[in-house]
N, C-alpha and C. Protein backbone atom coordinates (compact mmCIF):
# COMPACT_ATOMS: atom_id res chain seq x y z
N MET A 1 0.98 -1.29 0.00
CA MET A 1 -0.09 -0.33 -0.05
C MET A 1 1.20 1.38 -0.02
N ILE A 2 2.06 1.39 0.71
CA ILE A 2 2.81 2.33 0.78
C ILE A 2 3.76 2.81 -0.06
N GLN A 3 3.85 1.10 -0.59
CA GLN A 3 5.36 1.44 -2.43
C GLN A 3 4.03 1.87 -3.26
N ASP A 4 2.81 1.40 -3.62
CA ASP A 4 1.98 2.25 -4.50
C ASP A 4 1.54 3.18 -3.86
N LEU A 5 1.57 4.07 -2.84
CA LEU A 5 1.07 5.79 -2.98
C LEU A 5 2.10 6.07 -3.39
N GLU A 6 3.72 5.10 -2.94
CA GLU A 6 4.84 6.25 -3.10
C GLU A 6 4.99 6.66 -4.60
N GLN A 7 4.63 5.05 -5.53
CA GLN A 7 4.71 5.49 -6.78
C GLN A 7 3.74 6.09 -7.57
N LYS A 8 3.09 6.14 -7.03
CA LYS A 8 1.59 7.71 -7.67
C LYS A 8 2.19 8.67 -7.50
N LEU A 9 2.83 9.17 -6.06
CA LEU A 9 3.34 10.56 -6.02
C LEU A 9 4.66 10.85 -6.77
N TRP A 10 5.25 9.66 -7.02
CA TRP A 10 6.26 9.75 -7.78
C TRP A 10 5.68 10.46 -9.32
N SER A 11 4.36 9.68 -9.39
CA SER A 11 4.39 9.70 -11.29
C SER A 11 3.50 11.11 -11.08
N ILE A 12 3.26 11.77 -10.57
CA ILE A 12 2.61 13.48 -10.30
C ILE A 12 3.64 13.96 -10.25
N ALA A 13 5.01 13.80 -9.59
CA ALA A 13 5.97 14.67 -9.53
C ALA A 13 6.90 14.99 -10.72
N GLY A 14 6.20 14.16 -11.84
CA GLY A 14 7.32 14.00 -12.92
C GLY A 14 6.30 14.79 -13.97
N GLY A 15 5.24 15.01 -13.35
CA GLY A 15 4.31 15.51 -15.19
C GLY A 15 4.51 16.80 -15.03
N ILE A 16 5.78 17.31 -15.32
CA ILE A 16 5.76 18.78 -15.81
C ILE A 16 5.73 18.79 -17.26
N PRO A 17 4.68 20.07 -17.12
CA PRO A 17 3.84 20.57 -18.69
C PRO A 17 4.92 21.41 -19.22
N PHE A 18 6.23 21.23 -19.43
CA PHE A 18 6.92 22.45 -20.22
C PHE A 18 8.45 22.03 -20.29
N ALA A 19 8.83 21.98 -20.70
CA ALA A 19 10.76 21.61 -21.00
C ALA A 19 11.35 22.81 -20.52
N SER A 20 12.26 22.44 -19.81
CA SER A 20 13.96 23.82 -19.27
C SER A 20 14.59 22.99 -19.16
N GLU A 21 16.31 23.45 -19.53
CA GLU A 21 17.61 23.48 -19.77
C GLU A 21 17.93 23.66 -17.87
N TYR A 22 16.44 24.27 -17.40
CA TYR A 22 16.92 24.20 -15.89
C TYR A 22 16.44 23.28 -14.85
N PHE A 23 15.97 22.32 -15.26
CA PHE A 23 15.26 21.62 -14.54
C PHE A 23 15.91 20.20 -14.22
N LEU A 24 15.92 20.12 -12.94
CA LEU A 24 16.97 18.72 -13.03
C LEU A 24 15.44 17.46 -12.70
N GLN A 25 16.18 16.13 -12.57
CA GLN A 25 15.16 16.20 -12.81
C GLN A 25 15.44 14.18 -11.68
N ALA A 26 14.10 13.97 -11.17
CA ALA A 26 14.73 12.74 -10.16
C ALA A 26 13.88 12.28 -9.86
N GLY A 27 14.17 11.04 -8.96
CA GLY A 27 13.34 9.55 -9.63
C GLY A 27 13.05 8.92 -8.20
N PRO A 28 12.56 7.57 -7.99
CA PRO A 28 12.67 7.10 -7.00
C PRO A 28 13.78 5.82 -7.28
N VAL A 29 14.42 5.59 -8.26
CA VAL A 29 15.58 4.95 -8.47
C VAL A 29 16.82 4.98 -7.81
N ARG A 30 17.07 6.29 -8.28
CA ARG A 30 19.05 6.87 -7.37
C ARG A 30 18.25 8.25 -7.32
N LYS A 31 19.38 8.35 -5.88
CA LYS A 31 19.16 9.81 -5.39
C LYS A 31 20.42 10.98 -6.20
N LEU A 32 20.27 12.11 -6.12
CA LEU A 32 21.26 13.23 -7.11
C LEU A 32 22.27 13.28 -6.05
N LYS A 33 23.14 13.59 -6.54
CA LYS A 33 24.81 13.10 -5.74
C LYS A 33 24.80 14.62 -6.78
N LYS A 34 26.06 15.08 -6.02
CA LYS A 34 26.69 16.86 -6.88
C LYS A 34 27.01 16.65 -7.92
N GLU A 35 27.33 15.53 -8.58
CA GLU A 35 28.02 15.78 -9.68
C GLU A 35 26.81 15.53 -10.24
N ASN A 36 25.46 15.34 -10.35
CA ASN A 36 24.77 15.26 -11.10
C ASN A 36 23.50 16.95 -10.88
N LEU A 37 23.85 17.22 -10.30
CA LEU A 37 23.09 18.26 -10.14
C LEU A 37 23.44 19.63 -11.29
N PHE A 38 24.65 19.83 -11.30
CA PHE A 38 25.39 21.54 -12.19
C PHE A 38 26.53 20.57 -13.31
N SER A 39 26.65 21.71 -14.47
CA SER A 39 28.03 20.58 -15.95
C SER A 39 29.04 20.99 -15.17
N LYS A 40 29.39 21.48 -14.10
CA LYS A 40 30.69 21.83 -13.59
C LYS A 40 30.36 21.84 -11.81
N GLU A 41 31.32 21.90 -10.94
CA GLU A 41 31.52 21.54 -9.58
C GLU A 41 31.52 23.09 -8.97
N PHE A 42 31.04 22.67 -7.69
CA PHE A 42 30.93 24.37 -7.11
C PHE A 42 31.45 24.21 -5.85
N GLU A 43 31.70 25.26 -5.11
CA GLU A 43 32.79 24.76 -3.74
C GLU A 43 31.57 24.58 -2.76
N THR A 44 30.66 25.37 -2.93
CA THR A 44 29.66 25.05 -1.82
C THR A 44 28.43 24.61 -2.80
N TYR A 45 27.09 24.30 -2.13
CA TYR A 45 25.30 23.62 -2.34
C TYR A 45 24.51 24.45 -1.36
N PHE A 46 23.32 25.14 -1.85
CA PHE A 46 22.17 25.67 -1.14
C PHE A 46 20.91 25.02 -2.33
N LEU A 47 20.41 24.68 -0.97
CA LEU A 47 18.64 24.10 -1.26
C LEU A 47 17.49 25.59 -0.66
N GLU A 48 16.73 25.73 -1.44
CA GLU A 48 15.65 26.29 -1.06
C GLU A 48 14.32 25.64 -1.09
N LEU A 49 13.66 25.81 -0.44
CA LEU A 49 12.70 24.51 -0.09
C LEU A 49 11.21 25.68 -0.28
N GLY A 50 10.79 25.73 -1.99
CA GLY A 50 9.47 26.38 -1.77
C GLY A 50 9.71 27.60 -2.32
N SER A 51 10.92 27.47 -3.01
CA SER A 51 11.36 28.68 -3.49
C SER A 51 10.68 29.87 -4.03
N GLY A 52 9.20 29.93 -3.88
CA GLY A 52 7.91 30.60 -4.58
C GLY A 52 8.72 31.39 -5.55
N TRP A 53 8.30 32.46 -6.35
CA TRP A 53 8.67 33.51 -7.40
C TRP A 53 10.44 33.41 -7.71
N GLY A 54 11.46 32.57 -6.68
CA GLY A 54 12.46 32.46 -7.36
C GLY A 54 13.64 33.65 -6.63
N GLU A 55 12.91 35.17 -6.37
CA GLU A 55 14.03 35.95 -6.34
C GLU A 55 14.92 36.56 -4.98
N VAL A 56 14.02 35.38 -4.05
CA VAL A 56 15.51 35.17 -3.33
C VAL A 56 16.78 34.72 -3.43
N ALA A 57 16.37 33.09 -4.27
CA ALA A 57 17.51 32.47 -5.06
C ALA A 57 18.24 33.33 -5.83
N ILE A 58 17.64 34.00 -7.03
CA ILE A 58 18.04 34.13 -8.22
C ILE A 58 19.18 36.10 -7.32
N SER A 59 18.75 36.37 -6.59
CA SER A 59 19.34 37.02 -6.19
C SER A 59 21.37 36.56 -5.20
N LEU A 60 20.40 35.99 -4.35
CA LEU A 60 22.14 35.35 -3.92
C LEU A 60 22.84 34.42 -4.55
N ALA A 61 22.59 34.30 -5.95
CA ALA A 61 22.94 33.05 -6.84
C ALA A 61 24.11 33.80 -7.39
N ARG A 62 22.93 35.60 -7.54
CA ARG A 62 23.95 36.76 -8.63
C ARG A 62 25.82 36.90 -7.47
N GLN A 63 25.18 37.22 -6.34
CA GLN A 63 25.96 37.15 -5.18
C GLN A 63 27.53 36.43 -5.04
N ARG A 64 26.83 34.77 -5.44
CA ARG A 64 27.77 34.25 -4.33
C ARG A 64 27.86 32.71 -6.18
N PRO A 65 28.89 33.45 -6.98
CA PRO A 65 28.73 32.89 -8.04
C PRO A 65 29.70 31.09 -8.00
N GLU A 66 30.21 30.85 -6.87
CA GLU A 66 31.06 29.89 -6.23
C GLU A 66 29.95 28.90 -5.42
N THR A 67 28.33 29.00 -5.56
CA THR A 67 27.75 28.46 -5.18
C THR A 67 26.65 27.75 -5.75
N GLY A 68 26.58 26.83 -6.11
CA GLY A 68 24.96 26.12 -6.36
C GLY A 68 23.79 26.08 -5.86
N PHE A 69 23.34 26.64 -6.74
CA PHE A 69 21.86 26.84 -6.13
C PHE A 69 20.26 25.69 -6.49
N VAL A 70 20.05 24.91 -5.92
CA VAL A 70 18.81 24.23 -6.23
C VAL A 70 17.33 24.35 -5.26
N LEU A 71 16.90 24.62 -6.49
CA LEU A 71 14.92 25.33 -5.46
C LEU A 71 13.92 23.90 -5.60
N MET A 72 13.23 24.18 -4.98
CA MET A 72 12.19 22.76 -5.26
C MET A 72 10.73 23.60 -4.78
N GLU A 73 10.18 23.79 -5.79
CA GLU A 73 9.22 24.41 -5.96
C GLU A 73 7.72 23.64 -6.42
N LYS A 74 6.86 23.73 -6.54
CA LYS A 74 5.66 22.37 -7.07
C LYS A 74 4.91 23.46 -8.12
N LYS A 75 4.44 24.18 -7.92
CA LYS A 75 3.48 25.71 -8.97
C LYS A 75 4.08 26.20 -9.87
N PHE A 76 3.73 25.83 -10.91
CA PHE A 76 4.31 26.32 -12.54
C PHE A 76 4.36 27.45 -12.79
N ASP A 77 3.22 28.35 -12.56
CA ASP A 77 3.57 29.80 -12.29
C ASP A 77 4.69 30.46 -12.06
N ARG A 78 5.32 29.81 -11.02
CA ARG A 78 6.17 30.93 -9.93
C ARG A 78 7.85 29.75 -10.88
N ILE A 79 7.22 28.59 -11.39
CA ILE A 79 9.06 28.30 -11.60
C ILE A 79 8.57 28.88 -12.98
N ARG A 80 8.07 29.03 -13.84
CA ARG A 80 8.26 29.91 -15.34
C ARG A 80 8.86 31.57 -14.50
N HIS A 81 8.35 31.87 -13.75
CA HIS A 81 8.75 33.24 -13.78
C HIS A 81 10.74 32.95 -13.27
N THR A 82 10.76 32.26 -12.19
CA THR A 82 11.79 31.82 -12.12
C THR A 82 13.08 31.78 -12.81
N ILE A 83 12.17 31.04 -14.04
CA ILE A 83 13.50 30.61 -15.24
C ILE A 83 13.33 32.00 -15.86
N ARG A 84 12.66 33.37 -16.16
CA ARG A 84 12.29 33.83 -16.91
C ARG A 84 13.85 34.79 -15.64
N GLY A 85 13.91 34.97 -14.75
CA GLY A 85 14.82 35.16 -13.70
C GLY A 85 16.65 35.27 -13.95
N ILE A 86 16.12 33.56 -14.27
CA ILE A 86 17.47 32.40 -14.17
C ILE A 86 18.33 33.34 -15.97
N GLU A 87 17.47 33.14 -17.14
CA GLU A 87 17.88 33.50 -18.23
C GLU A 87 18.61 35.33 -18.48
N LYS A 88 17.06 36.01 -17.60
CA LYS A 88 17.39 37.40 -17.24
C LYS A 88 19.00 37.62 -17.16
N HIS A 89 19.88 37.27 -15.80
CA HIS A 89 20.73 37.40 -15.25
C HIS A 89 21.87 36.34 -15.64
N SER A 90 21.32 34.95 -16.72
CA SER A 90 22.31 34.53 -17.59
C SER A 90 23.21 33.49 -16.46
N LEU A 91 22.63 33.09 -15.34
CA LEU A 91 23.31 32.38 -14.69
C LEU A 91 23.18 31.07 -15.01
N GLU A 92 24.45 30.79 -14.35
CA GLU A 92 24.69 28.68 -14.98
C GLU A 92 24.85 28.47 -13.53
N ASN A 93 24.66 28.70 -11.74
CA ASN A 93 24.24 27.88 -10.69
C ASN A 93 23.35 28.21 -10.33
N VAL A 94 21.91 27.68 -10.59
CA VAL A 94 20.41 28.16 -10.42
C VAL A 94 20.22 26.94 -11.23
N LYS A 95 19.75 25.88 -10.67
CA LYS A 95 18.59 24.46 -11.47
C LYS A 95 17.06 24.05 -10.24
N ILE A 96 16.24 23.88 -10.74
CA ILE A 96 14.75 23.77 -10.23
C ILE A 96 15.01 22.17 -10.38
N LEU A 97 13.98 22.15 -9.34
CA LEU A 97 13.33 20.55 -9.45
C LEU A 97 11.78 21.08 -8.95
N CYS A 98 10.84 20.02 -10.00
CA CYS A 98 9.78 20.51 -9.67
C CYS A 98 9.11 19.30 -8.82
N VAL A 99 8.98 19.23 -7.86
CA VAL A 99 8.76 18.32 -6.33
C VAL A 99 8.55 18.84 -5.16
N ASN A 100 7.08 18.01 -4.71
CA ASN A 100 7.10 18.39 -3.64
C ASN A 100 7.47 17.82 -2.53
N PHE A 101 8.68 18.92 -2.03
CA PHE A 101 9.66 18.50 -0.97
C PHE A 101 8.89 18.01 0.73
N ASN A 102 7.17 18.42 0.04
CA ASN A 102 6.63 17.83 1.69
C ASN A 102 6.41 16.00 1.31
N TRP A 103 6.59 15.82 0.06
CA TRP A 103 6.33 14.26 0.10
C TRP A 103 8.02 13.95 -0.37
N PHE A 104 8.75 13.88 -0.54
CA PHE A 104 10.35 13.48 -0.46
C PHE A 104 11.09 14.88 -0.74
N LEU A 105 12.42 14.44 0.32
CA LEU A 105 13.06 15.45 0.18
C LEU A 105 14.28 14.63 0.14
N GLU A 106 14.75 13.42 1.97
CA GLU A 106 16.13 12.63 2.02
C GLU A 106 15.94 11.46 0.46
N ASP A 107 14.68 11.50 0.02
CA ASP A 107 14.86 10.47 -0.94
C ASP A 107 15.06 11.07 -2.46
N VAL A 108 15.17 11.77 -2.44
CA VAL A 108 15.62 12.26 -3.64
C VAL A 108 17.59 12.80 -3.66
N PHE A 109 17.73 13.36 -2.82
CA PHE A 109 19.44 13.85 -2.43
C PHE A 109 20.37 12.81 -1.93
N GLU A 110 21.52 12.54 -2.09
CA GLU A 110 22.49 11.91 -1.58
C GLU A 110 23.01 12.69 -0.05
N GLU A 111 23.25 11.75 0.48
CA GLU A 111 23.41 12.50 2.38
C GLU A 111 24.55 14.17 1.97
N ASN A 112 24.36 14.74 2.89
CA ASN A 112 25.37 15.21 3.24
C ASN A 112 25.85 16.29 1.89
N THR A 113 24.81 16.71 0.80
CA THR A 113 24.73 17.59 -0.13
C THR A 113 25.22 18.90 0.04
N PHE A 114 24.12 19.98 1.26
CA PHE A 114 24.04 20.82 0.85
C PHE A 114 24.67 21.98 2.56
N SER A 115 25.36 22.42 2.16
CA SER A 115 25.99 23.24 3.13
C SER A 115 25.00 23.96 3.68
N GLU A 116 23.74 24.59 2.89
CA GLU A 116 22.82 25.09 3.43
C GLU A 116 21.17 25.29 3.25
N ILE A 117 19.94 25.06 3.61
CA ILE A 117 19.46 25.01 3.33
C ILE A 117 18.22 26.00 3.90
N LEU A 118 17.41 26.35 3.41
CA LEU A 118 16.84 27.36 3.56
C LEU A 118 14.82 27.21 3.41
N LEU A 119 14.00 27.50 4.95
CA LEU A 119 12.94 27.48 4.41
C LEU A 119 12.10 28.61 4.87
N ASN A 120 11.35 29.00 3.99
CA ASN A 120 10.88 30.51 3.98
C ASN A 120 9.17 30.20 3.81
N PHE A 121 8.80 30.47 4.80
CA PHE A 121 7.31 31.49 5.26
C PHE A 121 6.48 30.11 4.19
N PRO A 122 6.46 28.92 4.95
CA PRO A 122 5.81 27.68 4.61
C PRO A 122 4.33 27.56 5.46
N ASP A 123 3.66 27.37 4.67
CA ASP A 123 1.69 27.02 5.41
C ASP A 123 2.42 26.77 7.21
N PRO A 124 1.79 27.76 7.83
CA PRO A 124 1.97 27.65 9.64
C PRO A 124 0.50 26.60 10.27
N TRP A 125 -0.32 26.62 8.91
CA TRP A 125 -1.46 25.41 9.06
C TRP A 125 -2.16 25.96 10.70
N PRO A 126 -2.40 27.15 10.86
CA PRO A 126 -2.82 27.33 12.30
C PRO A 126 -3.97 26.65 13.31
N LYS A 127 -4.58 26.12 12.41
CA LYS A 127 -5.61 25.20 13.25
C LYS A 127 -5.22 24.12 13.65
N ARG A 128 -5.71 23.25 14.59
CA ARG A 128 -4.81 22.73 15.82
C ARG A 128 -5.27 21.02 14.84
N ARG A 129 -6.21 21.35 14.50
CA ARG A 129 -6.43 19.51 13.67
C ARG A 129 -5.85 19.54 12.48
N HIS A 130 -4.54 20.46 12.21
CA HIS A 130 -4.29 20.87 10.61
C HIS A 130 -2.85 20.81 11.10
N HIS A 131 -2.11 20.80 12.19
CA HIS A 131 -1.19 20.61 12.83
C HIS A 131 0.00 19.96 12.10
N LYS A 132 -0.79 18.80 12.02
CA LYS A 132 -0.08 17.88 11.17
C LYS A 132 0.24 17.16 9.84
N LYS A 133 -0.16 18.41 9.17
CA LYS A 133 0.43 19.08 7.65
C LYS A 133 1.51 19.67 7.86
N ARG A 134 2.18 20.38 9.57
CA ARG A 134 3.26 21.41 8.89
C ARG A 134 4.42 20.60 8.21
N THR A 135 5.28 21.06 7.98
CA THR A 135 6.32 21.35 7.16
C THR A 135 7.58 20.74 8.84
N MET A 136 7.28 21.44 9.74
CA MET A 136 8.38 21.54 10.84
C MET A 136 7.58 20.54 11.50
N ASN A 137 8.53 19.07 11.57
CA ASN A 137 7.84 17.93 12.70
C ASN A 137 9.65 17.62 12.89
N ALA A 138 9.51 16.26 13.51
CA ALA A 138 10.64 15.50 13.85
C ALA A 138 11.14 14.67 12.59
N LYS A 139 10.13 14.07 11.93
CA LYS A 139 10.90 13.78 10.32
C LYS A 139 11.93 15.04 9.33
N PHE A 140 11.05 15.76 9.56
CA PHE A 140 11.60 17.04 8.96
C PHE A 140 13.28 17.44 9.35
N LEU A 141 13.30 17.73 10.39
CA LEU A 141 14.45 17.70 11.35
C LEU A 141 15.19 16.23 11.00
N GLU A 142 14.75 15.62 10.89
CA GLU A 142 16.15 14.22 10.55
C GLU A 142 16.14 14.13 9.02
N SER A 143 15.36 14.80 8.17
CA SER A 143 15.58 14.55 6.76
C SER A 143 16.86 15.95 6.80
N LEU A 144 16.61 16.88 7.73
CA LEU A 144 17.95 17.77 7.93
C LEU A 144 19.04 16.96 8.04
N ARG A 145 19.18 16.45 8.93
CA ARG A 145 20.50 15.98 9.82
C ARG A 145 21.21 15.27 8.17
N ILE A 146 20.11 14.53 7.19
CA ILE A 146 20.83 13.50 6.30
C ILE A 146 21.04 14.23 5.57
N LEU A 147 20.64 15.54 4.85
CA LEU A 147 21.16 16.58 3.79
C LEU A 147 22.44 17.54 3.85
N LEU A 148 22.27 17.40 5.17
CA LEU A 148 23.55 18.70 5.50
C LEU A 148 24.82 17.96 6.28
N PRO A 149 25.42 18.41 6.18
CA PRO A 149 26.86 17.94 6.86
C PRO A 149 27.38 18.58 8.16
N GLU A 150 27.86 18.19 8.60
CA GLU A 150 28.21 18.72 10.29
C GLU A 150 28.60 20.02 10.04
N GLY A 151 28.26 20.89 10.89
CA GLY A 151 28.55 22.30 10.32
C GLY A 151 27.31 23.19 9.61
N GLY A 152 26.43 21.97 8.45
CA GLY A 152 25.49 23.04 7.88
C GLY A 152 24.39 23.56 8.34
N LYS A 153 24.01 24.58 7.12
CA LYS A 153 22.88 25.82 8.36
C LYS A 153 21.88 25.62 7.66
N PHE A 154 20.66 25.17 8.82
CA PHE A 154 19.80 25.57 8.14
C PHE A 154 18.28 26.75 8.70
N SER A 155 17.73 27.84 7.48
CA SER A 155 17.23 29.01 8.30
C SER A 155 15.73 28.94 7.88
N PHE A 156 15.15 29.86 8.76
CA PHE A 156 14.08 29.27 8.83
C PHE A 156 13.21 30.73 9.22
N ALA A 157 11.73 31.19 8.40
CA ALA A 157 11.41 32.28 8.45
C ALA A 157 9.98 32.03 8.56
N THR A 158 9.34 32.44 9.42
CA THR A 158 7.34 32.27 9.31
C THR A 158 7.29 33.59 10.20
N ASP A 159 6.13 33.75 9.58
CA ASP A 159 5.29 35.25 10.29
C ASP A 159 4.68 35.36 11.26
N TYR A 160 4.24 33.81 11.74
CA TYR A 160 3.34 33.52 12.90
C TYR A 160 3.89 32.82 13.79
N GLY A 161 3.78 33.53 14.58
CA GLY A 161 4.70 33.31 16.11
C GLY A 161 4.40 31.54 16.69
N PRO A 162 3.24 31.85 17.08
CA PRO A 162 3.05 30.08 17.74
C PRO A 162 3.72 29.02 16.88
N TYR A 163 4.14 29.19 15.48
CA TYR A 163 4.83 28.21 14.95
C TYR A 163 6.15 28.56 14.93
N ALA A 164 6.96 29.43 15.50
CA ALA A 164 8.14 29.62 15.04
C ALA A 164 8.33 29.25 16.92
N ARG A 165 8.03 29.51 17.49
CA ARG A 165 7.39 28.82 18.82
C ARG A 165 7.47 27.40 19.25
N LYS A 166 7.00 26.47 18.23
CA LYS A 166 6.99 25.24 17.95
C LYS A 166 8.35 24.75 17.43
N ALA A 167 8.86 25.31 16.28
CA ALA A 167 10.24 25.15 15.72
C ALA A 167 11.51 25.25 16.46
N ILE A 168 11.12 26.27 17.91
CA ILE A 168 12.40 26.40 18.53
C ILE A 168 12.40 25.18 19.23
N ARG A 169 11.18 25.00 20.23
CA ARG A 169 10.76 23.53 20.86
C ARG A 169 11.41 22.38 20.21
N LEU A 170 11.05 22.18 18.81
CA LEU A 170 11.96 20.85 17.94
C LEU A 170 13.76 21.14 18.39
N PHE A 171 13.92 21.84 17.78
CA PHE A 171 15.33 21.90 17.98
C PHE A 171 16.12 22.11 19.35
N ARG A 172 15.10 22.71 20.40
CA ARG A 172 15.73 21.96 21.74
C ARG A 172 15.52 20.62 21.83
N ASP A 173 14.28 19.53 21.72
CA ASP A 173 14.50 18.59 21.73
C ASP A 173 15.25 17.27 21.08
N SER A 174 16.27 18.30 19.91
CA SER A 174 16.89 17.89 18.84
C SER A 174 17.97 17.82 19.80
N ASN A 175 19.36 16.55 19.95
CA ASN A 175 20.14 17.07 20.09
C ASN A 175 21.64 17.27 18.93
N VAL A 176 20.64 17.16 17.81
CA VAL A 176 22.43 17.55 16.81
C VAL A 176 21.59 19.04 16.72
N PHE A 177 20.87 19.38 17.09
CA PHE A 177 21.58 21.26 16.14
C PHE A 177 21.57 21.72 17.27
N ARG A 178 22.16 22.92 16.81
CA ARG A 178 22.41 24.70 17.98
C ARG A 178 21.92 25.72 17.11
N PRO A 179 21.59 26.73 18.15
CA PRO A 179 21.34 28.04 17.47
C PRO A 179 23.15 28.31 16.71
N GLU A 180 22.54 29.34 15.35
CA GLU A 180 23.73 30.30 15.20
C GLU A 180 24.29 31.18 16.07
N THR A 181 23.05 31.48 16.29
CA THR A 181 23.29 32.63 17.87
C THR A 181 22.19 33.00 18.44
N ALA A 182 21.60 33.26 18.99
CA ALA A 182 20.29 33.08 19.57
C ALA A 182 19.05 32.10 18.62
N GLU A 183 18.47 32.17 19.52
CA GLU A 183 17.24 31.15 18.76
C GLU A 183 16.13 32.03 17.91
N LEU A 184 16.06 32.93 18.31
CA LEU A 184 15.07 33.81 17.51
C LEU A 184 15.41 35.11 17.42
N ARG A 185 16.19 35.40 16.22
CA ARG A 185 15.97 36.67 15.50
C ARG A 185 14.49 37.41 14.96
N LEU A 186 14.03 38.63 15.16
CA LEU A 186 13.42 39.49 14.94
C LEU A 186 13.86 40.17 13.48
N GLU A 187 15.60 40.27 12.91
CA GLU A 187 15.74 40.65 11.44
C GLU A 187 16.63 40.00 11.14
N ARG A 188 16.88 39.92 9.79
CA ARG A 188 18.22 39.24 9.09
C ARG A 188 18.53 39.91 7.85
N SER A 189 19.88 39.67 7.57
CA SER A 189 20.57 40.79 6.42
C SER A 189 21.47 39.80 5.71
N GLU A 190 21.25 38.78 6.07
CA GLU A 190 22.04 37.88 4.86
C GLU A 190 21.50 37.20 3.96
N ILE A 191 19.94 36.95 4.23
CA ILE A 191 19.14 36.41 2.60
C ILE A 191 17.88 37.98 2.26
N PRO A 192 17.99 37.78 1.23
CA PRO A 192 17.36 38.95 0.74
C PRO A 192 15.79 39.05 0.92
N VAL A 193 15.00 39.66 1.36
CA VAL A 193 14.11 39.46 1.38
C VAL A 193 12.66 39.51 0.07
N SER A 194 11.90 38.70 0.31
CA SER A 194 11.02 38.15 -0.31
C SER A 194 10.07 39.31 -0.74
N HIS A 195 9.41 38.95 -2.18
CA HIS A 195 8.22 39.55 -1.90
C HIS A 195 6.73 39.41 -1.53
N PHE A 196 7.27 38.19 -0.74
CA PHE A 196 5.54 38.31 0.29
C PHE A 196 6.50 38.56 1.94
N GLU A 197 7.80 38.52 1.94
CA GLU A 197 8.22 38.69 2.92
C GLU A 197 7.84 40.68 3.24
N ARG A 198 7.87 41.29 2.55
CA ARG A 198 7.76 42.71 2.13
C ARG A 198 6.41 43.09 2.13
N LYS A 199 5.37 41.96 1.85
CA LYS A 199 4.11 42.08 1.48
C LYS A 199 3.66 42.05 3.45
N LYS A 200 4.11 41.31 4.22
CA LYS A 200 3.84 40.94 5.39
C LYS A 200 3.90 42.13 6.20
N ARG A 201 5.55 42.79 5.98
CA ARG A 201 6.26 43.67 6.90
C ARG A 201 5.11 45.25 6.35
N GLY A 202 4.39 44.59 4.97
CA GLY A 202 3.79 45.98 4.72
C GLY A 202 2.39 46.15 5.77
N GLU A 203 2.16 44.94 6.16
CA GLU A 203 0.55 44.52 6.44
C GLU A 203 1.55 44.59 8.05
N GLY A 204 2.33 45.29 8.65
CA GLY A 204 2.69 45.15 10.03
C GLY A 204 2.80 44.30 10.66
N LYS A 205 3.10 43.16 10.30
CA LYS A 205 3.47 41.59 10.23
C LYS A 205 4.81 41.29 10.99
N ARG A 206 5.06 40.63 12.54
CA ARG A 206 6.51 40.57 12.52
C ARG A 206 6.98 39.42 12.18
N ILE A 207 8.57 39.22 11.63
CA ILE A 207 8.78 38.14 11.06
C ILE A 207 9.81 37.77 11.80
N TYR A 208 9.68 36.58 12.13
CA TYR A 208 10.28 35.41 13.57
C TYR A 208 11.05 34.88 12.29
N TYR A 209 12.96 34.73 12.53
CA TYR A 209 14.29 33.90 12.03
C TYR A 209 14.68 32.84 13.16
N ILE A 210 15.05 31.50 12.67
CA ILE A 210 15.87 30.96 13.04
C ILE A 210 16.33 30.08 12.29
N ASP A 211 17.52 30.19 13.01
CA ASP A 211 19.15 29.74 12.56
C ASP A 211 19.33 29.09 13.08
N GLN A 212 19.90 27.35 12.68
CA GLN A 212 20.32 26.54 13.24
C GLN A 212 21.60 25.65 12.78
N ILE A 213 22.92 25.24 13.20
CA ILE A 213 23.99 24.70 12.66
C ILE A 213 23.71 23.30 13.37
N LEU A 214 23.77 22.27 12.16
CA LEU A 214 23.95 20.54 12.53
C LEU A 214 25.42 20.45 13.32
N LEU A 215 25.09 20.06 14.73
CA LEU A 215 26.46 20.03 15.16
C LEU A 215 26.89 18.61 15.05
N LYS A 216 26.49 17.23 14.45
CA LYS A 216 26.63 16.18 14.83
C LYS A 216 25.92 15.44 13.56
N LYS A 217 26.17 14.33 12.78
CA LYS A 217 25.31 13.24 12.18
C LYS A 217 24.80 12.00 13.06
């Protein structure tokens, strides 16, 4: 039953309605290694989960040509917009994986692939009966542990205070992560501001930032 469900999800994940040289192809048979991501080797690799319109990764990719950026996004209009941005700036260090990262994450990539992983503003699912749908949970932390090397960094942002507090509790309960500086920050300068973040700030929302470092495998 579980195997049938996984096959169905992989079938859905492969249903991209257009072609692009910027797409990565993933499947259930083999995991992607660093050498499978780009035509050349980069010093470090950065994964953005739910990359939206791509403005954050494109800005970072322009600043950091020595880093390869892999974006996971499932919405086709956002992917098309991202591809236009990649082409506009002639970027050779950005690739897109059109896969729902909540279905597959450690199944897609080989262990220790990324030095940094970013998750910006996932759905907070505020109603208690929906909490099980949240991305941030113990299983997700285990996926981070698999994909990051020792010293690797995970960055998280949300505009929903209870979700931020839940994330802090998860990391406190973990014995393999530590805060990079403080457990919670209200400002962040090293990652560009997304359209969504700018909109929320315009509405007067407080943004919560959490940055964690992997201590051990």
